[in-house]
């Protein structure tokens, strides 16, 4: 069983690497969301002709500025969706020809055809594979571990049950968080067309920052059990 525990510890090191990638993606997504939020709030102001000052007399200036901001928002939304699940995605703002009037009445249509690659969904898929491989270690070998062997401990080393449960929990946490992030980005597209969206934007951004499905203390507790020898 001791040699089996070492194999599981290797899998947890792989999980740590994947979680490091996740944190890099998290920083990128927060930055993208912040940029999108700034544009959405700016769009609310740009609908007021008084905000253009002396430029108000320039023909078509409001339409041109709104169009440029919408184009920038489209680009950022595409980037965020790629960060989530790196796919071929088209993002269109559908509305009337007159952008000055269309922003408040337009619909946002997002159509996507996904191709499983890297980014958040890729990390989640990687962790799911680690869980499957971990289960195979105790089921697919020449001898199948008994219930007693799964609970057996050698010194402060984790039991096989600890290893299996830890991998499962970490995978489920990240999968749930991926689903939450997907929902938040979908909600952002709707919020972008809502007047006075600041409160909604702040609430959505806080959800992304907090990552409520990945409690840090619980994650650290799992690794402390698996690598107890390294702590002492």
C-alpha atoms as a PDB file:
ATOM      1  CA  UNK A   1       0.000   0.000   0.000  1.00  0.00           C
ATOM      2  CA  UNK A   2       2.909   2.377   0.699  1.00  0.00           C
ATOM      3  CA  UNK A   3       4.028   2.272  -2.928  1.00  0.00           C
ATOM      4  CA  UNK A   4       0.439   2.949  -3.989  1.00  0.00           C
ATOM      5  CA  UNK A   5       0.295   6.044  -1.768  1.00  0.00           C
ATOM      6  CA  UNK A   6       3.412   7.376  -3.496  1.00  0.00           C
ATOM      7  CA  UNK A   7       1.672   6.991  -6.849  1.00  0.00           C
ATOM      8  CA  UNK A   8      -1.268   8.997  -5.529  1.00  0.00           C
ATOM      9  CA  UNK A   9       1.056  11.686  -4.219  1.00  0.00           C
ATOM     10  CA  UNK A  10       2.398  12.010  -7.752  1.00  0.00           C
ATOM     11  CA  UNK A  11      -1.142  12.565  -8.954  1.00  0.00           C
ATOM     12  CA  UNK A  12      -1.633  15.304  -6.361  1.00  0.00           C
ATOM     13  CA  UNK A  13       1.530  17.004  -7.640  1.00  0.00           C
ATOM     14  CA  UNK A  14      -0.051  16.929 -11.088  1.00  0.00           C
ATOM     15  CA  UNK A  15      -3.191  18.467  -9.578  1.00  0.00           C
ATOM     16  CA  UNK A  16      -1.069  21.249  -8.050  1.00  0.00           C
ATOM     17  CA  UNK A  17       0.351  22.034 -11.475  1.00  0.00           C
ATOM     18  CA  UNK A  18      -3.144  22.227 -12.948  1.00  0.00           C
ATOM     19  CA  UNK A  19      -4.270  24.472 -10.101  1.00  0.00           C
ATOM     20  CA  UNK A  20      -1.327  26.759 -10.842  1.00  0.00           C
ATOM     21  CA  UNK A  21      -2.572  27.044 -14.419  1.00  0.00           C
ATOM     22  CA  UNK A  22      -6.056  27.745 -13.082  1.00  0.00           C
ATOM     23  CA  UNK A  23      -4.768  30.670 -11.003  1.00  0.00           C
ATOM     24  CA  UNK A  24      -3.022  32.165 -14.034  1.00  0.00           C
ATOM     25  CA  UNK A  25      -6.294  31.940 -15.955  1.00  0.00           C
ATOM     26  CA  UNK A  26      -8.147  33.441 -12.991  1.00  0.00           C
ATOM     27  CA  UNK A  27      -5.915  36.536 -13.091  1.00  0.00           C
ATOM     28  CA  UNK A  28      -6.459  36.864 -16.833  1.00  0.00           C
ATOM     29  CA  UNK A  29     -10.237  36.499 -16.536  1.00  0.00           C
ATOM     30  CA  UNK A  30     -10.490  39.103 -13.756  1.00  0.00           C
ATOM     31  CA  UNK A  31      -8.494  41.554 -15.870  1.00  0.00           C
ATOM     32  CA  UNK A  32     -10.743  40.928 -18.879  1.00  0.00           C
ATOM     33  CA  UNK A  33     -13.888  41.279 -16.777  1.00  0.00           C
ATOM     34  CA  UNK A  34     -12.652  44.570 -15.316  1.00  0.00           C
ATOM     35  CA  UNK A  35     -12.044  45.930 -18.814  1.00  0.00           C
ATOM     36  CA  UNK A  36     -15.486  44.815 -19.998  1.00  0.00           C
ATOM     37  CA  UNK A  37     -17.146  46.380 -16.941  1.00  0.00           C
ATOM     38  CA  UNK A  38     -15.437  49.705 -17.598  1.00  0.00           C
ATOM     39  CA  UNK A  39     -16.726  49.747 -21.182  1.00  0.00           C
ATOM     40  CA  UNK A  40     -20.272  48.790 -20.149  1.00  0.00           C
ATOM     41  CA  UNK A  41     -20.401  51.613 -17.612  1.00  0.00           C
ATOM     42  CA  UNK A  42     -18.942  53.995 -20.199  1.00  0.00           C
ATOM     43  CA  UNK A  43     -21.652  53.019 -22.681  1.00  0.00           C
ATOM     44  CA  UNK A  44     -24.313  54.198 -20.255  1.00  0.00           C
ATOM     45  CA  UNK A  45     -22.704  57.658 -20.179  1.00  0.00           C
ATOM     46  CA  UNK A  46     -22.088  57.842 -23.914  1.00  0.00           C
ATOM     47  CA  UNK A  47     -25.818  57.681 -24.631  1.00  0.00           C
ATOM     48  CA  UNK A  48     -26.162  61.176 -23.138  1.00  0.00           C
ATOM     49  CA  UNK A  49     -25.406  63.805 -25.846  1.00  0.00           C
ATOM     50  CA  UNK A  50     -24.385  66.294 -23.143  1.00  0.00           C
ATOM     51  CA  UNK A  51     -21.340  64.182 -22.331  1.00  0.00           C
ATOM     52  CA  UNK A  52     -19.779  65.093 -25.691  1.00  0.00           C
ATOM     53  CA  UNK A  53     -19.471  68.792 -24.892  1.00  0.00           C
ATOM     54  CA  UNK A  54     -18.256  70.814 -27.875  1.00  0.00           C
ATOM     55  CA  UNK A  55     -18.017  67.621 -29.948  1.00  0.00           C
ATOM     56  CA  UNK A  56     -21.802  67.285 -29.880  1.00  0.00           C
ATOM     57  CA  UNK A  57     -22.012  69.416 -33.015  1.00  0.00           C
ATOM     58  CA  UNK A  58     -19.855  66.950 -34.988  1.00  0.00           C
ATOM     59  CA  UNK A  59     -22.214  64.948 -37.188  1.00  0.00           C
ATOM     60  CA  UNK A  60     -22.345  61.239 -36.319  1.00  0.00           C
ATOM     61  CA  UNK A  61     -19.878  61.524 -33.415  1.00  0.00           C
ATOM     62  CA  UNK A  62     -22.147  59.749 -30.923  1.00  0.00           C
ATOM     63  CA  UNK A  63     -22.852  56.835 -33.263  1.00  0.00           C
ATOM     64  CA  UNK A  64     -19.162  56.490 -34.107  1.00  0.00           C
ATOM     65  CA  UNK A  65     -18.039  56.495 -30.469  1.00  0.00           C
ATOM     66  CA  UNK A  66     -20.722  53.998 -29.443  1.00  0.00           C
ATOM     67  CA  UNK A  67     -19.800  51.729 -32.339  1.00  0.00           C
ATOM     68  CA  UNK A  68     -16.132  51.777 -31.316  1.00  0.00           C
ATOM     69  CA  UNK A  69     -16.963  50.953 -27.700  1.00  0.00           C
ATOM     70  CA  UNK A  70     -19.267  48.109 -28.744  1.00  0.00           C
ATOM     71  CA  UNK A  71     -16.511  46.718 -30.945  1.00  0.00           C
ATOM     72  CA  UNK A  72     -14.080  46.802 -28.014  1.00  0.00           C
ATOM     73  CA  UNK A  73     -16.629  45.085 -25.769  1.00  0.00           C
ATOM     74  CA  UNK A  74     -17.186  42.388 -28.395  1.00  0.00           C
ATOM     75  CA  UNK A  75     -13.442  41.699 -28.523  1.00  0.00           C
ATOM     76  CA  UNK A  76     -13.155  41.422 -24.741  1.00  0.00           C
ATOM     77  CA  UNK A  77     -16.208  39.153 -24.504  1.00  0.00           C
ATOM     78  CA  UNK A  78     -14.642  36.888 -27.109  1.00  0.00           C
ATOM     79  CA  UNK A  79     -11.417  36.800 -25.094  1.00  0.00           C
ATOM     80  CA  UNK A  80     -13.283  35.877 -21.916  1.00  0.00           C
ATOM     81  CA  UNK A  81     -15.120  33.040 -23.632  1.00  0.00           C
ATOM     82  CA  UNK A  82     -11.821  31.775 -25.010  1.00  0.00           C
ATOM     83  CA  UNK A  83     -10.332  31.904 -21.511  1.00  0.00           C
ATOM     84  CA  UNK A  84     -13.239  29.780 -20.302  1.00  0.00           C
ATOM     85  CA  UNK A  85     -13.345  27.160 -23.011  1.00  0.00           C
ATOM     86  CA  UNK A  86     -11.167  28.219 -25.969  1.00  0.00           C
ATOM     87  CA  UNK A  87     -13.693  27.819 -28.730  1.00  0.00           C
ATOM     88  CA  UNK A  88     -14.675  29.198 -32.097  1.00  0.00           C
ATOM     89  CA  UNK A  89     -17.101  31.909 -31.057  1.00  0.00           C
ATOM     90  CA  UNK A  90     -19.009  34.681 -32.758  1.00  0.00           C
ATOM     91  CA  UNK A  91     -20.424  37.519 -30.686  1.00  0.00           C
ATOM     92  CA  UNK A  92     -22.857  39.901 -32.382  1.00  0.00           C
ATOM     93  CA  UNK A  93     -24.708  42.960 -31.177  1.00  0.00           C
ATOM     94  CA  UNK A  94     -28.009  42.871 -33.075  1.00  0.00           C
ATOM     95  CA  UNK A  95     -30.096  46.020 -33.266  1.00  0.00           C
ATOM     96  CA  UNK A  96     -31.318  48.956 -35.288  1.00  0.00           C
ATOM     97  CA  UNK A  97     -29.057  50.793 -37.715  1.00  0.00           C
ATOM     98  CA  UNK A  98     -28.979  53.877 -35.487  1.00  0.00           C
ATOM     99  CA  UNK A  99     -26.604  52.840 -32.673  1.00  0.00           C
ATOM    100  CA  UNK A 100     -27.691  55.779 -30.549  1.00  0.00           C
ATOM    101  CA  UNK A 101     -31.147  54.220 -30.225  1.00  0.00           C
ATOM    102  CA  UNK A 102     -30.201  50.576 -30.696  1.00  0.00           C
ATOM    103  CA  UNK A 103     -28.004  50.106 -27.636  1.00  0.00           C
ATOM    104  CA  UNK A 104     -30.929  50.171 -25.212  1.00  0.00           C
ATOM    105  CA  UNK A 105     -33.109  47.892 -27.370  1.00  0.00           C
ATOM    106  CA  UNK A 106     -30.614  45.585 -29.033  1.00  0.00           C
ATOM    107  CA  UNK A 107     -30.218  41.897 -28.321  1.00  0.00           C
ATOM    108  CA  UNK A 108     -26.990  40.114 -27.713  1.00  0.00           C
ATOM    109  CA  UNK A 109     -26.616  36.853 -29.542  1.00  0.00           C
ATOM    110  CA  UNK A 110     -23.775  34.518 -28.715  1.00  0.00           C
ATOM    111  CA  UNK A 111     -23.295  31.403 -30.801  1.00  0.00           C
ATOM    112  CA  UNK A 112     -20.474  29.028 -30.018  1.00  0.00           C
ATOM    113  CA  UNK A 113     -19.105  25.742 -31.285  1.00  0.00           C
ATOM    114  CA  UNK A 114     -16.747  24.360 -28.675  1.00  0.00           C
ATOM    115  CA  UNK A 115     -13.566  22.405 -29.209  1.00  0.00           C
ATOM    116  CA  UNK A 116     -12.146  20.925 -25.989  1.00  0.00           C
ATOM    117  CA  UNK A 117      -8.671  22.408 -25.572  1.00  0.00           C
ATOM    118  CA  UNK A 118      -7.064  24.151 -22.633  1.00  0.00           C
ATOM    119  CA  UNK A 119      -8.113  27.002 -20.369  1.00  0.00           C
ATOM    120  CA  UNK A 120     -10.626  26.612 -17.518  1.00  0.00           C
ATOM    121  CA  UNK A 121     -12.574  23.778 -19.092  1.00  0.00           C
ATOM    122  CA  UNK A 122      -9.306  22.076 -19.995  1.00  0.00           C
ATOM    123  CA  UNK A 123      -8.066  22.271 -16.399  1.00  0.00           C
ATOM    124  CA  UNK A 124     -11.375  20.885 -15.147  1.00  0.00           C
ATOM    125  CA  UNK A 125     -11.198  18.028 -17.666  1.00  0.00           C
ATOM    126  CA  UNK A 126      -7.606  17.297 -16.636  1.00  0.00           C
ATOM    127  CA  UNK A 127      -8.612  16.990 -12.984  1.00  0.00           C
ATOM    128  CA  UNK A 128     -11.486  14.676 -13.908  1.00  0.00           C
ATOM    129  CA  UNK A 129      -9.015  12.447 -15.745  1.00  0.00           C
ATOM    130  CA  UNK A 130      -6.733  12.349 -12.692  1.00  0.00           C
ATOM    131  CA  UNK A 131      -9.715  11.141 -10.634  1.00  0.00           C
ATOM    132  CA  UNK A 132     -10.509   8.407 -13.156  1.00  0.00           C
ATOM    133  CA  UNK A 133      -6.879   7.306 -13.272  1.00  0.00           C
ATOM    134  CA  UNK A 134      -6.763   7.319  -9.473  1.00  0.00           C
ATOM    135  CA  UNK A 135      -9.733   4.988  -9.266  1.00  0.00           C
ATOM    136  CA  UNK A 136      -8.087   2.664 -11.749  1.00  0.00           C
ATOM    137  CA  UNK A 137      -5.080   2.306  -9.455  1.00  0.00           C
ATOM    138  CA  UNK A 138      -7.169   0.490  -6.851  1.00  0.00           C
ATOM    139  CA  UNK A 139      -9.488  -1.305  -9.277  1.00  0.00           C
ATOM    140  CA  UNK A 140      -7.478  -2.121 -12.354  1.00  0.00           C
ATOM    141  CA  UNK A 141      -4.333  -3.657 -10.896  1.00  0.00           C
ATOM    142  CA  UNK A 142      -3.494  -7.314 -10.395  1.00  0.00           C
ATOM    143  CA  UNK A 143      -5.040  -7.112  -6.914  1.00  0.00           C
ATOM    144  CA  UNK A 144      -8.092  -5.044  -6.041  1.00  0.00           C
ATOM    145  CA  UNK A 145      -7.774  -3.124  -2.760  1.00  0.00           C
ATOM    146  CA  UNK A 146     -10.211  -4.220  -0.072  1.00  0.00           C
ATOM    147  CA  UNK A 147     -12.242  -1.806   2.054  1.00  0.00           C
ATOM    148  CA  UNK A 148      -9.844  -2.436   4.943  1.00  0.00           C
ATOM    149  CA  UNK A 149      -6.802  -1.723   2.791  1.00  0.00           C
ATOM    150  CA  UNK A 150      -8.356   1.529   1.568  1.00  0.00           C
ATOM    151  CA  UNK A 151      -8.571   2.767   5.184  1.00  0.00           C
ATOM    152  CA  UNK A 152      -5.150   1.473   6.229  1.00  0.00           C
ATOM    153  CA  UNK A 153      -2.515   4.023   7.296  1.00  0.00           C
ATOM    154  CA  UNK A 154       1.246   3.741   7.652  1.00  0.00           C
ATOM    155  CA  UNK A 155       2.459   6.322  10.154  1.00  0.00           C
ATOM    156  CA  UNK A 156       1.288   9.776   9.105  1.00  0.00           C
ATOM    157  CA  UNK A 157       0.934   8.808   5.468  1.00  0.00           C
ATOM    158  CA  UNK A 158      -2.563   9.217   4.032  1.00  0.00           C
ATOM    159  CA  UNK A 159      -4.798   6.222   3.457  1.00  0.00           C
ATOM    160  CA  UNK A 160      -5.817   5.279  -0.066  1.00  0.00           C
ATOM    161  CA  UNK A 161      -9.323   6.431   0.843  1.00  0.00           C
ATOM    162  CA  UNK A 162      -7.897   9.867   1.767  1.00  0.00           C
ATOM    163  CA  UNK A 163      -6.211  10.041  -1.629  1.00  0.00           C
ATOM    164  CA  UNK A 164      -9.299   9.044  -3.590  1.00  0.00           C
ATOM    165  CA  UNK A 165     -11.554  11.425  -1.668  1.00  0.00           C
ATOM    166  CA  UNK A 166      -9.081  14.303  -1.974  1.00  0.00           C
ATOM    167  CA  UNK A 167      -8.812  13.926  -5.740  1.00  0.00           C
ATOM    168  CA  UNK A 168     -12.593  13.723  -6.058  1.00  0.00           C
ATOM    169  CA  UNK A 169     -13.179  16.850  -3.973  1.00  0.00           C
ATOM    170  CA  UNK A 170     -10.592  18.945  -5.813  1.00  0.00           C
ATOM    171  CA  UNK A 171     -12.020  17.912  -9.171  1.00  0.00           C
ATOM    172  CA  UNK A 172     -15.604  18.662  -8.129  1.00  0.00           C
ATOM    173  CA  UNK A 173     -14.610  22.057  -6.708  1.00  0.00           C
ATOM    174  CA  UNK A 174     -12.999  23.166  -9.949  1.00  0.00           C
ATOM    175  CA  UNK A 175     -15.773  21.774 -12.130  1.00  0.00           C
ATOM    176  CA  UNK A 176     -18.398  23.630 -10.085  1.00  0.00           C
ATOM    177  CA  UNK A 177     -16.348  26.816 -10.269  1.00  0.00           C
ATOM    178  CA  UNK A 178     -15.979  26.456 -14.036  1.00  0.00           C
ATOM    179  CA  UNK A 179     -19.775  26.208 -14.357  1.00  0.00           C
ATOM    180  CA  UNK A 180     -20.185  29.286 -12.154  1.00  0.00           C
ATOM    181  CA  UNK A 181     -17.722  31.288 -14.249  1.00  0.00           C
ATOM    182  CA  UNK A 182     -19.572  30.274 -17.411  1.00  0.00           C
ATOM    183  CA  UNK A 183     -22.828  31.525 -15.884  1.00  0.00           C
ATOM    184  CA  UNK A 184     -21.225  34.808 -14.809  1.00  0.00           C
ATOM    185  CA  UNK A 185     -19.872  35.520 -18.292  1.00  0.00           C
ATOM    186  CA  UNK A 186     -23.269  34.696 -19.808  1.00  0.00           C
ATOM    187  CA  UNK A 187     -24.894  37.072 -17.320  1.00  0.00           C
ATOM    188  CA  UNK A 188     -22.413  39.804 -18.263  1.00  0.00           C
ATOM    189  CA  UNK A 189     -23.737  39.851 -21.832  1.00  0.00           C
ATOM    190  CA  UNK A 190     -27.250  40.495 -20.499  1.00  0.00           C
ATOM    191  CA  UNK A 191     -26.110  43.072 -17.945  1.00  0.00           C
ATOM    192  CA  UNK A 192     -24.338  45.001 -20.704  1.00  0.00           C
ATOM    193  CA  UNK A 193     -27.749  45.972 -22.084  1.00  0.00           C
ATOM    194  CA  UNK A 194     -29.237  46.955 -18.719  1.00  0.00           C
ATOM    195  CA  UNK A 195     -29.381  50.613 -17.683  1.00  0.00           C
ATOM    196  CA  UNK A 196     -27.565  51.441 -14.429  1.00  0.00           C
ATOM    197  CA  UNK A 197     -25.788  48.089 -14.382  1.00  0.00           C
ATOM    198  CA  UNK A 198     -23.035  49.064 -11.896  1.00  0.00           C
ATOM    199  CA  UNK A 199     -24.397  47.085  -8.931  1.00  0.00           C
ATOM    200  CA  UNK A 200     -24.884  43.954 -11.035  1.00  0.00           C
ATOM    201  CA  UNK A 201     -21.384  44.280 -12.479  1.00  0.00           C
ATOM    202  CA  UNK A 202     -19.847  44.617  -9.018  1.00  0.00           C
ATOM    203  CA  UNK A 203     -21.743  41.571  -7.754  1.00  0.00           C
ATOM    204  CA  UNK A 204     -20.672  39.467 -10.746  1.00  0.00           C
ATOM    205  CA  UNK A 205     -17.046  40.526 -10.430  1.00  0.00           C
ATOM    206  CA  UNK A 206     -17.038  39.680  -6.721  1.00  0.00           C
ATOM    207  CA  UNK A 207     -18.274  36.187  -7.569  1.00  0.00           C
ATOM    208  CA  UNK A 208     -15.372  35.721  -9.965  1.00  0.00           C
ATOM    209  CA  UNK A 209     -12.844  37.017  -7.444  1.00  0.00           C
ATOM    210  CA  UNK A 210     -14.152  34.969  -4.497  1.00  0.00           C
ATOM    211  CA  UNK A 211     -14.272  31.601  -6.323  1.00  0.00           C
ATOM    212  CA  UNK A 212     -16.764  30.321  -3.693  1.00  0.00           C
ATOM    213  CA  UNK A 213     -16.594  26.735  -4.957  1.00  0.00           C
ATOM    214  CA  UNK A 214     -12.858  26.483  -4.206  1.00  0.00           C
ATOM    215  CA  UNK A 215     -12.513  27.260  -0.456  1.00  0.00           C
ATOM    216  CA  UNK A 216      -8.803  27.830   0.180  1.00  0.00           C
ATOM    217  CA  UNK A 217      -8.747  26.356   3.686  1.00  0.00           C
ATOM    218  CA  UNK A 218     -10.426  23.149   2.552  1.00  0.00           C
ATOM    219  CA  UNK A 219      -8.036  22.822  -0.389  1.00  0.00           C
ATOM    220  CA  UNK A 220      -5.026  23.355   1.878  1.00  0.00           C
ATOM    221  CA  UNK A 221      -6.423  20.819   4.334  1.00  0.00           C
ATOM    222  CA  UNK A 222      -6.524  18.171   1.605  1.00  0.00           C
ATOM    223  CA  UNK A 223      -2.899  18.759   0.637  1.00  0.00           C
ATOM    224  CA  UNK A 224      -1.842  18.796   4.310  1.00  0.00           C
ATOM    225  CA  UNK A 225      -3.264  15.286   4.704  1.00  0.00           C
ATOM    226  CA  UNK A 226      -1.663  13.956   1.524  1.00  0.00           C
ATOM    227  CA  UNK A 227       1.761  15.477   2.173  1.00  0.00           C
ATOM    228  CA  UNK A 228       1.783  15.292   5.989  1.00  0.00           C
ATOM    229  CA  UNK A 229       5.352  13.929   5.929  1.00  0.00           C
ATOM    230  CA  UNK A 230       6.604  17.074   4.214  1.00  0.00           C
ATOM    231  CA  UNK A 231       5.066  19.292   6.906  1.00  0.00           C
ATOM    232  CA  UNK A 232       6.621  17.561   9.930  1.00  0.00           C
END
